[in-house]
N, C-alpha and C. Protein backbone atom coordinates (compact mmCIF):
# COMPACT_ATOMS: atom_id res chain seq x y z
N MET A 1 -28.59 -53.29 -29.62
CA MET A 1 -28.75 -53.95 -28.35
C MET A 1 -28.92 -52.87 -27.27
N SER A 2 -29.92 -53.04 -26.43
CA SER A 2 -30.21 -52.06 -25.39
C SER A 2 -29.55 -52.45 -24.07
N LYS A 3 -29.65 -51.54 -23.09
CA LYS A 3 -29.14 -51.86 -21.75
C LYS A 3 -29.92 -53.04 -21.17
N GLU A 4 -31.23 -53.08 -21.45
CA GLU A 4 -32.07 -54.17 -20.94
C GLU A 4 -31.63 -55.52 -21.50
N SER A 5 -31.42 -55.58 -22.81
CA SER A 5 -31.04 -56.87 -23.41
C SER A 5 -29.65 -57.29 -22.95
N ARG A 6 -28.76 -56.32 -22.71
CA ARG A 6 -27.43 -56.65 -22.17
C ARG A 6 -27.55 -57.14 -20.73
N LYS A 7 -28.34 -56.43 -19.94
CA LYS A 7 -28.52 -56.76 -18.53
C LYS A 7 -29.02 -58.20 -18.36
N PHE A 8 -29.95 -58.60 -19.21
CA PHE A 8 -30.53 -59.94 -19.09
C PHE A 8 -29.88 -60.95 -20.02
N GLN A 9 -28.73 -60.58 -20.58
CA GLN A 9 -27.89 -61.47 -21.38
C GLN A 9 -28.65 -62.14 -22.54
N VAL A 10 -29.43 -61.33 -23.24
CA VAL A 10 -30.12 -61.81 -24.44
C VAL A 10 -29.07 -61.90 -25.54
N PRO A 11 -29.00 -63.02 -26.26
CA PRO A 11 -28.01 -63.12 -27.34
C PRO A 11 -28.20 -62.00 -28.37
N ASP A 12 -27.09 -61.53 -28.91
CA ASP A 12 -27.13 -60.44 -29.89
C ASP A 12 -28.11 -60.73 -31.03
N ALA A 13 -28.18 -61.98 -31.47
CA ALA A 13 -29.02 -62.35 -32.60
C ALA A 13 -30.51 -62.14 -32.32
N LEU A 14 -30.90 -62.10 -31.04
CA LEU A 14 -32.31 -61.91 -30.69
C LEU A 14 -32.56 -60.59 -29.95
N ALA A 15 -31.52 -59.82 -29.71
CA ALA A 15 -31.64 -58.61 -28.88
C ALA A 15 -32.63 -57.60 -29.45
N ASN A 16 -32.57 -57.32 -30.73
CA ASN A 16 -33.50 -56.33 -31.31
C ASN A 16 -34.93 -56.83 -31.28
N LEU A 17 -35.13 -58.12 -31.50
CA LEU A 17 -36.46 -58.71 -31.45
C LEU A 17 -37.02 -58.60 -30.02
N TYR A 18 -36.18 -58.93 -29.05
CA TYR A 18 -36.53 -58.83 -27.63
C TYR A 18 -36.90 -57.38 -27.27
N ASP A 19 -36.04 -56.45 -27.68
CA ASP A 19 -36.29 -55.04 -27.38
C ASP A 19 -37.57 -54.55 -28.04
N PHE A 20 -37.79 -54.96 -29.29
CA PHE A 20 -38.98 -54.51 -30.02
C PHE A 20 -40.25 -55.01 -29.34
N ALA A 21 -40.29 -56.28 -28.99
CA ALA A 21 -41.48 -56.83 -28.34
C ALA A 21 -41.72 -56.18 -26.98
N ASN A 22 -40.65 -55.82 -26.29
CA ASN A 22 -40.78 -55.21 -24.97
C ASN A 22 -40.95 -53.69 -24.99
N THR A 23 -41.13 -53.11 -26.18
CA THR A 23 -41.46 -51.68 -26.22
C THR A 23 -42.85 -51.44 -25.63
N LEU A 24 -43.64 -52.50 -25.56
CA LEU A 24 -44.95 -52.43 -24.89
C LEU A 24 -44.77 -53.02 -23.50
N ASP A 25 -44.97 -52.21 -22.49
CA ASP A 25 -44.79 -52.63 -21.10
C ASP A 25 -46.15 -52.71 -20.43
N LEU A 26 -46.63 -53.92 -20.21
CA LEU A 26 -47.95 -54.13 -19.61
C LEU A 26 -47.88 -54.46 -18.13
N ARG A 27 -46.69 -54.35 -17.54
CA ARG A 27 -46.55 -54.70 -16.12
C ARG A 27 -47.43 -53.79 -15.27
N HIS A 28 -48.17 -54.41 -14.37
CA HIS A 28 -49.05 -53.65 -13.47
C HIS A 28 -49.04 -54.29 -12.08
N PHE A 29 -47.92 -54.17 -11.43
CA PHE A 29 -47.78 -54.69 -10.08
C PHE A 29 -47.13 -53.63 -9.20
N THR A 30 -47.17 -53.87 -7.91
CA THR A 30 -46.53 -52.98 -6.95
C THR A 30 -45.37 -53.73 -6.33
N HIS A 31 -44.22 -53.09 -6.32
CA HIS A 31 -43.00 -53.70 -5.76
C HIS A 31 -42.41 -52.73 -4.75
N HIS A 32 -42.27 -53.19 -3.51
CA HIS A 32 -41.78 -52.34 -2.41
C HIS A 32 -42.62 -51.06 -2.29
N GLY A 33 -43.93 -51.21 -2.46
CA GLY A 33 -44.83 -50.08 -2.30
C GLY A 33 -44.90 -49.12 -3.47
N VAL A 34 -44.19 -49.42 -4.55
CA VAL A 34 -44.19 -48.53 -5.72
C VAL A 34 -44.88 -49.24 -6.89
N ALA A 35 -45.91 -48.61 -7.41
CA ALA A 35 -46.64 -49.17 -8.55
C ALA A 35 -45.80 -49.02 -9.82
N HIS A 36 -45.69 -50.09 -10.58
CA HIS A 36 -44.94 -50.03 -11.84
C HIS A 36 -45.82 -49.37 -12.89
N PRO A 37 -45.35 -48.31 -13.54
CA PRO A 37 -46.16 -47.65 -14.56
C PRO A 37 -46.14 -48.42 -15.89
N GLN A 38 -47.32 -48.63 -16.46
CA GLN A 38 -47.40 -49.25 -17.78
C GLN A 38 -47.00 -48.20 -18.81
N GLY A 39 -46.56 -48.68 -19.97
CA GLY A 39 -46.19 -47.73 -21.00
C GLY A 39 -45.96 -48.36 -22.35
N ASP A 40 -45.90 -47.52 -23.34
CA ASP A 40 -45.64 -47.96 -24.71
C ASP A 40 -44.62 -46.99 -25.30
N GLU A 41 -43.45 -47.51 -25.64
CA GLU A 41 -42.41 -46.67 -26.23
C GLU A 41 -42.78 -46.22 -27.64
N LEU A 42 -43.71 -46.92 -28.28
CA LEU A 42 -44.08 -46.62 -29.66
C LEU A 42 -45.50 -46.08 -29.72
N LYS A 43 -45.65 -44.81 -29.39
CA LYS A 43 -46.98 -44.19 -29.41
C LYS A 43 -47.29 -43.52 -30.74
N ALA A 44 -46.26 -43.20 -31.51
CA ALA A 44 -46.45 -42.45 -32.76
C ALA A 44 -45.33 -42.81 -33.73
N PRO A 45 -45.50 -42.48 -35.01
CA PRO A 45 -44.47 -42.80 -36.00
C PRO A 45 -43.08 -42.29 -35.63
N GLN A 46 -43.00 -41.09 -35.04
CA GLN A 46 -41.68 -40.56 -34.68
C GLN A 46 -41.02 -41.39 -33.57
N ASP A 47 -41.82 -42.02 -32.70
CA ASP A 47 -41.26 -42.89 -31.66
C ASP A 47 -40.62 -44.12 -32.30
N LEU A 48 -41.32 -44.68 -33.28
CA LEU A 48 -40.78 -45.84 -33.99
C LEU A 48 -39.51 -45.45 -34.74
N ALA A 49 -39.52 -44.28 -35.37
CA ALA A 49 -38.34 -43.81 -36.10
C ALA A 49 -37.14 -43.66 -35.15
N SER A 50 -37.38 -43.10 -33.98
CA SER A 50 -36.30 -42.94 -32.99
C SER A 50 -35.78 -44.29 -32.52
N TRP A 51 -36.70 -45.22 -32.26
CA TRP A 51 -36.32 -46.55 -31.80
C TRP A 51 -35.45 -47.25 -32.86
N MET A 52 -35.89 -47.17 -34.10
CA MET A 52 -35.14 -47.81 -35.19
C MET A 52 -33.80 -47.13 -35.43
N ALA A 53 -33.77 -45.81 -35.39
CA ALA A 53 -32.53 -45.07 -35.62
C ALA A 53 -31.49 -45.40 -34.56
N ALA A 54 -31.93 -45.56 -33.31
CA ALA A 54 -31.00 -45.89 -32.22
C ALA A 54 -30.33 -47.25 -32.43
N ARG A 55 -30.94 -48.09 -33.25
CA ARG A 55 -30.39 -49.43 -33.50
C ARG A 55 -29.81 -49.57 -34.92
N GLY A 56 -29.71 -48.45 -35.61
CA GLY A 56 -29.16 -48.47 -36.97
C GLY A 56 -30.07 -49.17 -37.97
N MET A 57 -31.37 -49.14 -37.71
CA MET A 57 -32.32 -49.84 -38.56
C MET A 57 -33.11 -48.91 -39.48
N LEU A 58 -32.82 -47.62 -39.44
CA LEU A 58 -33.59 -46.67 -40.24
C LEU A 58 -32.66 -46.03 -41.26
N GLN A 59 -33.05 -46.14 -42.52
CA GLN A 59 -32.27 -45.53 -43.59
C GLN A 59 -32.39 -44.01 -43.51
N ALA A 60 -31.32 -43.33 -43.84
CA ALA A 60 -31.33 -41.86 -43.82
C ALA A 60 -32.37 -41.33 -44.81
N ASP A 61 -32.94 -40.21 -44.47
CA ASP A 61 -33.92 -39.52 -45.34
C ASP A 61 -35.15 -40.36 -45.63
N THR A 62 -35.56 -41.20 -44.71
CA THR A 62 -36.81 -41.94 -44.87
C THR A 62 -37.76 -41.53 -43.76
N LYS A 63 -39.05 -41.58 -44.06
CA LYS A 63 -40.06 -41.15 -43.10
C LYS A 63 -41.05 -42.27 -42.88
N ILE A 64 -41.42 -42.46 -41.64
CA ILE A 64 -42.42 -43.47 -41.30
C ILE A 64 -43.79 -42.80 -41.31
N THR A 65 -44.65 -43.30 -42.16
CA THR A 65 -46.01 -42.76 -42.28
C THR A 65 -46.90 -43.40 -41.21
N PRO A 66 -48.07 -42.82 -40.96
CA PRO A 66 -48.99 -43.45 -40.00
C PRO A 66 -49.36 -44.88 -40.41
N ALA A 67 -49.54 -45.13 -41.70
CA ALA A 67 -49.88 -46.48 -42.16
C ALA A 67 -48.71 -47.45 -41.89
N MET A 68 -47.49 -47.00 -42.12
CA MET A 68 -46.32 -47.84 -41.83
C MET A 68 -46.23 -48.12 -40.33
N PHE A 69 -46.49 -47.11 -39.54
CA PHE A 69 -46.47 -47.26 -38.08
C PHE A 69 -47.48 -48.32 -37.65
N ASP A 70 -48.70 -48.24 -38.18
CA ASP A 70 -49.73 -49.23 -37.83
C ASP A 70 -49.30 -50.64 -38.22
N THR A 71 -48.63 -50.78 -39.36
CA THR A 71 -48.15 -52.09 -39.81
C THR A 71 -47.09 -52.63 -38.85
N ALA A 72 -46.18 -51.78 -38.43
CA ALA A 72 -45.12 -52.20 -37.50
C ALA A 72 -45.70 -52.58 -36.14
N VAL A 73 -46.65 -51.80 -35.63
CA VAL A 73 -47.27 -52.10 -34.34
C VAL A 73 -48.11 -53.39 -34.44
N GLY A 74 -48.72 -53.62 -35.60
CA GLY A 74 -49.44 -54.87 -35.81
C GLY A 74 -48.51 -56.08 -35.76
N PHE A 75 -47.32 -55.91 -36.31
CA PHE A 75 -46.31 -56.98 -36.23
C PHE A 75 -45.91 -57.22 -34.77
N ARG A 76 -45.71 -56.14 -34.02
CA ARG A 76 -45.35 -56.30 -32.61
C ARG A 76 -46.44 -57.05 -31.84
N ARG A 77 -47.70 -56.70 -32.09
CA ARG A 77 -48.82 -57.36 -31.42
C ARG A 77 -48.84 -58.86 -31.75
N ALA A 78 -48.68 -59.19 -33.03
CA ALA A 78 -48.69 -60.59 -33.45
C ALA A 78 -47.49 -61.34 -32.87
N LEU A 79 -46.34 -60.69 -32.81
CA LEU A 79 -45.14 -61.30 -32.24
C LEU A 79 -45.35 -61.61 -30.77
N ARG A 80 -45.88 -60.66 -30.02
CA ARG A 80 -46.13 -60.89 -28.59
C ARG A 80 -47.16 -61.99 -28.38
N ASP A 81 -48.21 -62.00 -29.20
CA ASP A 81 -49.22 -63.06 -29.09
C ASP A 81 -48.60 -64.43 -29.36
N TYR A 82 -47.72 -64.49 -30.32
CA TYR A 82 -47.05 -65.75 -30.67
C TYR A 82 -46.13 -66.21 -29.54
N LEU A 83 -45.35 -65.29 -28.99
CA LEU A 83 -44.36 -65.65 -27.97
C LEU A 83 -44.98 -65.94 -26.61
N GLN A 84 -46.26 -65.63 -26.43
CA GLN A 84 -46.89 -65.96 -25.15
C GLN A 84 -47.18 -67.46 -25.04
N HIS A 85 -47.14 -68.15 -26.17
CA HIS A 85 -47.36 -69.60 -26.16
C HIS A 85 -46.06 -70.32 -25.85
N ASP A 86 -46.18 -71.49 -25.21
CA ASP A 86 -44.97 -72.27 -24.95
C ASP A 86 -44.45 -72.82 -26.28
N PRO A 87 -43.13 -73.07 -26.37
CA PRO A 87 -42.53 -73.46 -27.65
C PRO A 87 -43.23 -74.61 -28.40
N PRO A 88 -43.66 -75.70 -27.74
CA PRO A 88 -44.34 -76.74 -28.53
C PRO A 88 -45.65 -76.25 -29.17
N SER A 89 -46.37 -75.38 -28.47
CA SER A 89 -47.63 -74.85 -29.01
C SER A 89 -47.42 -73.93 -30.20
N ARG A 90 -46.25 -73.30 -30.27
CA ARG A 90 -45.96 -72.37 -31.36
C ARG A 90 -45.93 -73.06 -32.72
N ARG A 91 -45.76 -74.36 -32.72
CA ARG A 91 -45.68 -75.11 -33.98
C ARG A 91 -47.06 -75.37 -34.59
N GLN A 92 -48.11 -75.04 -33.86
CA GLN A 92 -49.47 -75.24 -34.38
C GLN A 92 -49.81 -74.13 -35.37
N ARG A 93 -50.42 -74.50 -36.46
CA ARG A 93 -50.76 -73.51 -37.49
C ARG A 93 -51.66 -72.41 -36.96
N SER A 94 -52.60 -72.77 -36.09
CA SER A 94 -53.53 -71.77 -35.57
C SER A 94 -52.80 -70.72 -34.74
N VAL A 95 -51.73 -71.10 -34.04
CA VAL A 95 -50.96 -70.16 -33.23
C VAL A 95 -50.13 -69.25 -34.12
N ALA A 96 -49.57 -69.79 -35.17
CA ALA A 96 -48.68 -69.03 -36.05
C ALA A 96 -49.42 -68.20 -37.10
N ARG A 97 -50.71 -68.42 -37.29
CA ARG A 97 -51.46 -67.76 -38.37
C ARG A 97 -51.37 -66.24 -38.32
N ALA A 98 -51.65 -65.64 -37.16
CA ALA A 98 -51.64 -64.17 -37.07
C ALA A 98 -50.23 -63.61 -37.29
N LEU A 99 -49.21 -64.32 -36.80
CA LEU A 99 -47.85 -63.85 -37.01
C LEU A 99 -47.48 -63.95 -38.48
N ASN A 100 -47.88 -65.02 -39.14
CA ASN A 100 -47.61 -65.16 -40.58
C ASN A 100 -48.27 -64.03 -41.37
N GLU A 101 -49.49 -63.66 -40.98
CA GLU A 101 -50.17 -62.56 -41.67
C GLU A 101 -49.43 -61.24 -41.45
N ALA A 102 -48.93 -61.03 -40.23
CA ALA A 102 -48.22 -59.78 -39.91
C ALA A 102 -46.87 -59.69 -40.61
N ILE A 103 -46.15 -60.80 -40.72
CA ILE A 103 -44.83 -60.74 -41.34
C ILE A 103 -44.89 -60.69 -42.86
N ALA A 104 -46.07 -60.94 -43.42
CA ALA A 104 -46.22 -60.86 -44.88
C ALA A 104 -45.91 -59.44 -45.38
N ALA A 105 -46.06 -58.46 -44.52
CA ALA A 105 -45.78 -57.06 -44.89
C ALA A 105 -44.28 -56.76 -44.92
N PHE A 106 -43.46 -57.72 -44.49
CA PHE A 106 -42.02 -57.52 -44.39
C PHE A 106 -41.27 -58.63 -45.13
N PRO A 107 -41.43 -58.69 -46.44
CA PRO A 107 -40.80 -59.78 -47.20
C PRO A 107 -39.28 -59.71 -47.17
N LEU A 108 -38.68 -60.88 -47.32
CA LEU A 108 -37.22 -61.00 -47.32
C LEU A 108 -36.76 -61.63 -48.63
N VAL A 109 -35.53 -61.36 -48.98
CA VAL A 109 -34.92 -61.93 -50.18
C VAL A 109 -33.67 -62.69 -49.72
N ALA A 110 -33.52 -63.90 -50.22
CA ALA A 110 -32.30 -64.67 -49.93
C ALA A 110 -31.21 -64.20 -50.87
N GLU A 111 -30.03 -64.00 -50.31
CA GLU A 111 -28.91 -63.50 -51.10
C GLU A 111 -27.64 -64.22 -50.66
N LEU A 112 -26.84 -64.64 -51.62
CA LEU A 112 -25.58 -65.29 -51.27
C LEU A 112 -24.58 -64.25 -50.84
N GLY A 113 -23.97 -64.49 -49.68
CA GLY A 113 -22.96 -63.56 -49.17
C GLY A 113 -21.59 -63.94 -49.69
N GLY A 114 -20.61 -63.13 -49.40
CA GLY A 114 -19.24 -63.37 -49.82
C GLY A 114 -18.63 -64.61 -49.19
N THR A 115 -19.22 -65.08 -48.09
CA THR A 115 -18.69 -66.27 -47.40
C THR A 115 -19.28 -67.56 -47.96
N GLY A 116 -20.14 -67.44 -48.93
CA GLY A 116 -20.80 -68.63 -49.48
C GLY A 116 -22.06 -69.01 -48.73
N LYS A 117 -22.42 -68.25 -47.71
CA LYS A 117 -23.65 -68.51 -46.95
C LYS A 117 -24.77 -67.63 -47.49
N ALA A 118 -25.97 -68.15 -47.43
CA ALA A 118 -27.13 -67.37 -47.85
C ALA A 118 -27.55 -66.46 -46.69
N LEU A 119 -27.89 -65.23 -47.02
CA LEU A 119 -28.36 -64.26 -46.04
C LEU A 119 -29.76 -63.82 -46.42
N LEU A 120 -30.54 -63.44 -45.43
CA LEU A 120 -31.84 -62.87 -45.69
C LEU A 120 -31.73 -61.36 -45.53
N ARG A 121 -32.20 -60.64 -46.53
CA ARG A 121 -32.19 -59.19 -46.46
C ARG A 121 -33.58 -58.67 -46.80
N PRO A 122 -33.91 -57.47 -46.36
CA PRO A 122 -35.24 -56.92 -46.62
C PRO A 122 -35.51 -56.73 -48.11
N ALA A 123 -36.70 -57.09 -48.54
CA ALA A 123 -37.12 -56.81 -49.91
C ALA A 123 -37.65 -55.39 -50.00
N ARG A 124 -38.11 -54.85 -48.88
CA ARG A 124 -38.60 -53.46 -48.85
C ARG A 124 -37.41 -52.53 -48.98
N ASN A 125 -37.65 -51.37 -49.56
CA ASN A 125 -36.58 -50.37 -49.61
C ASN A 125 -37.09 -49.03 -49.07
N ASP A 126 -38.07 -49.11 -48.17
CA ASP A 126 -38.61 -47.90 -47.56
C ASP A 126 -38.20 -47.83 -46.09
N ALA A 127 -38.85 -46.99 -45.33
CA ALA A 127 -38.49 -46.78 -43.93
C ALA A 127 -38.65 -48.03 -43.07
N LEU A 128 -39.51 -48.94 -43.47
CA LEU A 128 -39.74 -50.14 -42.67
C LEU A 128 -38.82 -51.31 -43.03
N ALA A 129 -37.84 -51.09 -43.88
CA ALA A 129 -36.89 -52.15 -44.22
C ALA A 129 -36.22 -52.69 -42.96
N GLY A 130 -35.98 -51.80 -42.00
CA GLY A 130 -35.35 -52.22 -40.74
C GLY A 130 -36.20 -53.19 -39.95
N ILE A 131 -37.52 -53.06 -40.03
CA ILE A 131 -38.40 -54.00 -39.34
C ILE A 131 -38.29 -55.37 -40.00
N SER A 132 -38.05 -55.38 -41.31
CA SER A 132 -37.85 -56.66 -42.00
C SER A 132 -36.66 -57.42 -41.42
N THR A 133 -35.65 -56.69 -40.92
CA THR A 133 -34.50 -57.38 -40.32
C THR A 133 -34.93 -58.13 -39.06
N LEU A 134 -35.97 -57.64 -38.37
CA LEU A 134 -36.50 -58.36 -37.22
C LEU A 134 -37.13 -59.67 -37.64
N VAL A 135 -37.77 -59.66 -38.81
CA VAL A 135 -38.36 -60.89 -39.33
C VAL A 135 -37.24 -61.88 -39.68
N ALA A 136 -36.14 -61.38 -40.21
CA ALA A 136 -34.98 -62.24 -40.49
C ALA A 136 -34.42 -62.81 -39.19
N ASP A 137 -34.37 -62.00 -38.13
CA ASP A 137 -33.92 -62.48 -36.82
C ASP A 137 -34.86 -63.55 -36.29
N LEU A 138 -36.15 -63.35 -36.49
CA LEU A 138 -37.16 -64.32 -36.08
C LEU A 138 -36.93 -65.65 -36.80
N TYR A 139 -36.72 -65.57 -38.11
CA TYR A 139 -36.46 -66.77 -38.91
C TYR A 139 -35.19 -67.48 -38.43
N ASP A 140 -34.11 -66.72 -38.25
CA ASP A 140 -32.85 -67.31 -37.81
C ASP A 140 -33.00 -67.97 -36.44
N GLY A 141 -33.74 -67.31 -35.54
CA GLY A 141 -33.98 -67.87 -34.21
C GLY A 141 -34.77 -69.15 -34.25
N MET A 142 -35.73 -69.23 -35.18
CA MET A 142 -36.49 -70.48 -35.33
C MET A 142 -35.59 -71.59 -35.86
N GLN A 143 -34.75 -71.25 -36.84
CA GLN A 143 -33.86 -72.25 -37.43
C GLN A 143 -32.85 -72.77 -36.42
N SER A 144 -32.30 -71.89 -35.58
CA SER A 144 -31.28 -72.32 -34.62
C SER A 144 -31.88 -72.90 -33.35
N GLY A 145 -33.17 -72.66 -33.11
CA GLY A 145 -33.82 -73.13 -31.90
C GLY A 145 -33.75 -72.13 -30.75
N SER A 146 -32.99 -71.05 -30.93
CA SER A 146 -32.84 -70.07 -29.85
C SER A 146 -34.13 -69.31 -29.57
N LEU A 147 -35.03 -69.24 -30.55
CA LEU A 147 -36.30 -68.54 -30.33
C LEU A 147 -37.14 -69.26 -29.28
N ASP A 148 -36.95 -70.57 -29.13
CA ASP A 148 -37.69 -71.31 -28.11
C ASP A 148 -37.37 -70.82 -26.70
N ARG A 149 -36.25 -70.15 -26.54
CA ARG A 149 -35.86 -69.63 -25.22
C ARG A 149 -36.35 -68.21 -25.00
N LEU A 150 -36.94 -67.60 -26.01
CA LEU A 150 -37.54 -66.28 -25.85
C LEU A 150 -39.00 -66.51 -25.46
N LYS A 151 -39.35 -66.13 -24.23
CA LYS A 151 -40.66 -66.47 -23.68
C LYS A 151 -41.29 -65.25 -23.03
N MET A 152 -42.58 -65.38 -22.78
CA MET A 152 -43.30 -64.33 -22.07
C MET A 152 -43.49 -64.78 -20.63
N CYS A 153 -43.27 -63.87 -19.71
CA CYS A 153 -43.42 -64.17 -18.29
C CYS A 153 -44.84 -64.68 -18.03
N ALA A 154 -44.94 -65.76 -17.26
CA ALA A 154 -46.24 -66.38 -16.97
C ALA A 154 -47.08 -65.57 -16.00
N ALA A 155 -46.49 -64.58 -15.33
CA ALA A 155 -47.24 -63.75 -14.39
C ALA A 155 -48.15 -62.81 -15.16
N GLU A 156 -49.45 -62.90 -14.92
CA GLU A 156 -50.42 -62.07 -15.63
C GLU A 156 -50.17 -60.58 -15.43
N GLU A 157 -49.62 -60.20 -14.28
CA GLU A 157 -49.38 -58.78 -14.02
C GLU A 157 -48.04 -58.31 -14.58
N CYS A 158 -47.36 -59.18 -15.32
CA CYS A 158 -46.06 -58.81 -15.90
C CYS A 158 -46.11 -58.85 -17.43
N ARG A 159 -46.11 -60.04 -18.00
CA ARG A 159 -46.18 -60.27 -19.45
C ARG A 159 -44.98 -59.67 -20.20
N ARG A 160 -43.84 -59.62 -19.53
CA ARG A 160 -42.59 -59.14 -20.13
C ARG A 160 -41.91 -60.31 -20.81
N LEU A 161 -41.26 -60.05 -21.93
CA LEU A 161 -40.50 -61.12 -22.59
C LEU A 161 -39.15 -61.26 -21.92
N PHE A 162 -38.67 -62.48 -21.85
CA PHE A 162 -37.36 -62.75 -21.27
C PHE A 162 -36.69 -63.86 -22.06
N PHE A 163 -35.38 -63.96 -21.93
CA PHE A 163 -34.62 -65.03 -22.56
C PHE A 163 -34.29 -66.05 -21.48
N ASP A 164 -34.77 -67.27 -21.67
CA ASP A 164 -34.60 -68.34 -20.70
C ASP A 164 -33.19 -68.92 -20.83
N ARG A 165 -32.32 -68.59 -19.89
CA ARG A 165 -30.94 -69.07 -19.91
C ARG A 165 -30.77 -70.33 -19.07
N SER A 166 -31.84 -70.84 -18.48
CA SER A 166 -31.71 -72.04 -17.65
C SER A 166 -31.34 -73.23 -18.53
N LYS A 167 -30.59 -74.15 -17.96
CA LYS A 167 -30.10 -75.30 -18.73
C LYS A 167 -31.25 -76.11 -19.35
N PRO A 168 -32.30 -76.44 -18.58
CA PRO A 168 -33.39 -77.21 -19.19
C PRO A 168 -34.40 -76.36 -19.96
N ALA A 169 -34.23 -75.05 -19.96
CA ALA A 169 -35.13 -74.11 -20.65
C ALA A 169 -36.57 -74.26 -20.18
N THR A 170 -36.74 -74.29 -18.86
CA THR A 170 -38.08 -74.48 -18.29
C THR A 170 -38.55 -73.30 -17.43
N ARG A 171 -37.83 -72.19 -17.47
CA ARG A 171 -38.26 -71.04 -16.68
C ARG A 171 -39.62 -70.55 -17.13
N ARG A 172 -40.38 -70.05 -16.16
CA ARG A 172 -41.71 -69.54 -16.47
C ARG A 172 -41.84 -68.04 -16.22
N TRP A 173 -40.92 -67.49 -15.43
CA TRP A 173 -41.02 -66.09 -15.05
C TRP A 173 -39.77 -65.34 -15.46
N CYS A 174 -39.94 -64.06 -15.73
CA CYS A 174 -38.79 -63.24 -16.11
C CYS A 174 -37.79 -63.15 -14.96
N MET A 175 -38.31 -63.06 -13.75
CA MET A 175 -37.45 -63.04 -12.56
C MET A 175 -38.12 -63.87 -11.47
N SER A 176 -37.47 -64.94 -11.08
CA SER A 176 -38.02 -65.80 -10.03
C SER A 176 -38.18 -65.06 -8.72
N SER A 177 -37.24 -64.15 -8.45
CA SER A 177 -37.28 -63.42 -7.18
C SER A 177 -38.40 -62.39 -7.14
N LEU A 178 -38.95 -62.04 -8.27
CA LEU A 178 -40.01 -61.02 -8.30
C LEU A 178 -41.33 -61.67 -8.72
N CYS A 179 -41.47 -61.97 -9.98
CA CYS A 179 -42.73 -62.53 -10.48
C CYS A 179 -42.98 -63.94 -9.91
N GLY A 180 -41.96 -64.78 -9.94
CA GLY A 180 -42.11 -66.14 -9.43
C GLY A 180 -42.47 -66.14 -7.96
N ASN A 181 -41.82 -65.29 -7.19
CA ASN A 181 -42.08 -65.22 -5.76
C ASN A 181 -43.51 -64.76 -5.48
N ARG A 182 -43.99 -63.77 -6.24
CA ARG A 182 -45.37 -63.29 -6.05
C ARG A 182 -46.37 -64.41 -6.31
N ILE A 183 -46.18 -65.16 -7.38
CA ILE A 183 -47.12 -66.23 -7.73
C ILE A 183 -47.06 -67.35 -6.69
N LYS A 184 -45.86 -67.73 -6.27
CA LYS A 184 -45.73 -68.79 -5.27
C LYS A 184 -46.34 -68.37 -3.93
N THR A 185 -46.14 -67.12 -3.55
CA THR A 185 -46.72 -66.62 -2.30
C THR A 185 -48.24 -66.61 -2.38
N ARG A 186 -48.76 -66.18 -3.52
CA ARG A 186 -50.21 -66.16 -3.73
C ARG A 186 -50.79 -67.57 -3.65
N ALA A 187 -50.11 -68.53 -4.29
CA ALA A 187 -50.57 -69.93 -4.26
C ALA A 187 -50.51 -70.49 -2.84
N TYR A 188 -49.46 -70.16 -2.11
CA TYR A 188 -49.32 -70.62 -0.72
C TYR A 188 -50.45 -70.09 0.14
N ARG A 189 -50.75 -68.79 -0.01
CA ARG A 189 -51.83 -68.20 0.79
C ARG A 189 -53.18 -68.81 0.43
N ALA A 190 -53.40 -69.11 -0.84
CA ALA A 190 -54.66 -69.74 -1.26
C ALA A 190 -54.78 -71.13 -0.65
N ARG A 191 -53.68 -71.87 -0.61
CA ARG A 191 -53.71 -73.21 0.02
C ARG A 191 -53.99 -73.09 1.52
N GLN A 192 -53.40 -72.09 2.17
CA GLN A 192 -53.62 -71.89 3.60
C GLN A 192 -55.08 -71.56 3.88
N ARG A 193 -55.68 -70.71 3.05
CA ARG A 193 -57.09 -70.37 3.23
C ARG A 193 -57.97 -71.59 3.02
N ALA A 194 -57.61 -72.43 2.05
CA ALA A 194 -58.41 -73.62 1.75
C ALA A 194 -58.39 -74.63 2.90
N THR A 195 -57.29 -74.69 3.63
CA THR A 195 -57.18 -75.66 4.73
C THR A 195 -57.82 -75.15 6.02
N GLN A 196 -58.10 -73.85 6.08
CA GLN A 196 -58.71 -73.29 7.31
C GLN A 196 -60.21 -73.43 7.32
């Protein structure tokens, strides 16, 4: 769990998934006169290794190859594409197709735990086994319904993932005071111009 996921009160069960999807920062707006720099935390295999190691997701003495890196970044792309849709749309096969293709590289095995509950664990035993745990988190979130609250900000200049903690789960922006306010102000000004 990162400082970001703690700050925005993302449940522990979805924190790594949230952090992984947000390693790509596409925000391109100016706030208080300062332009937000876009960035990607995962530019190379060693970046992915560092990210995974910080979360205890990387087995000791394993190396991420360029091909493994491309597979992991492909999963991130498909995950972000999937989460940009509203929860009812996510149930459409056409929306889930690319994500299903991406997660095929991270198979899981069901295993009975000591508590009598079935657990999903990675079938891979290489450096990307830790990414398979994200797929297990994705599955668990779908089963519990909590994944429906993981959304992408509706502001085109943001596209950051956030966890919707509102009671009706109808938030559209990561921060109403920032992204929501910009969109509402823009809409207000457009209405004012239209009436003049």
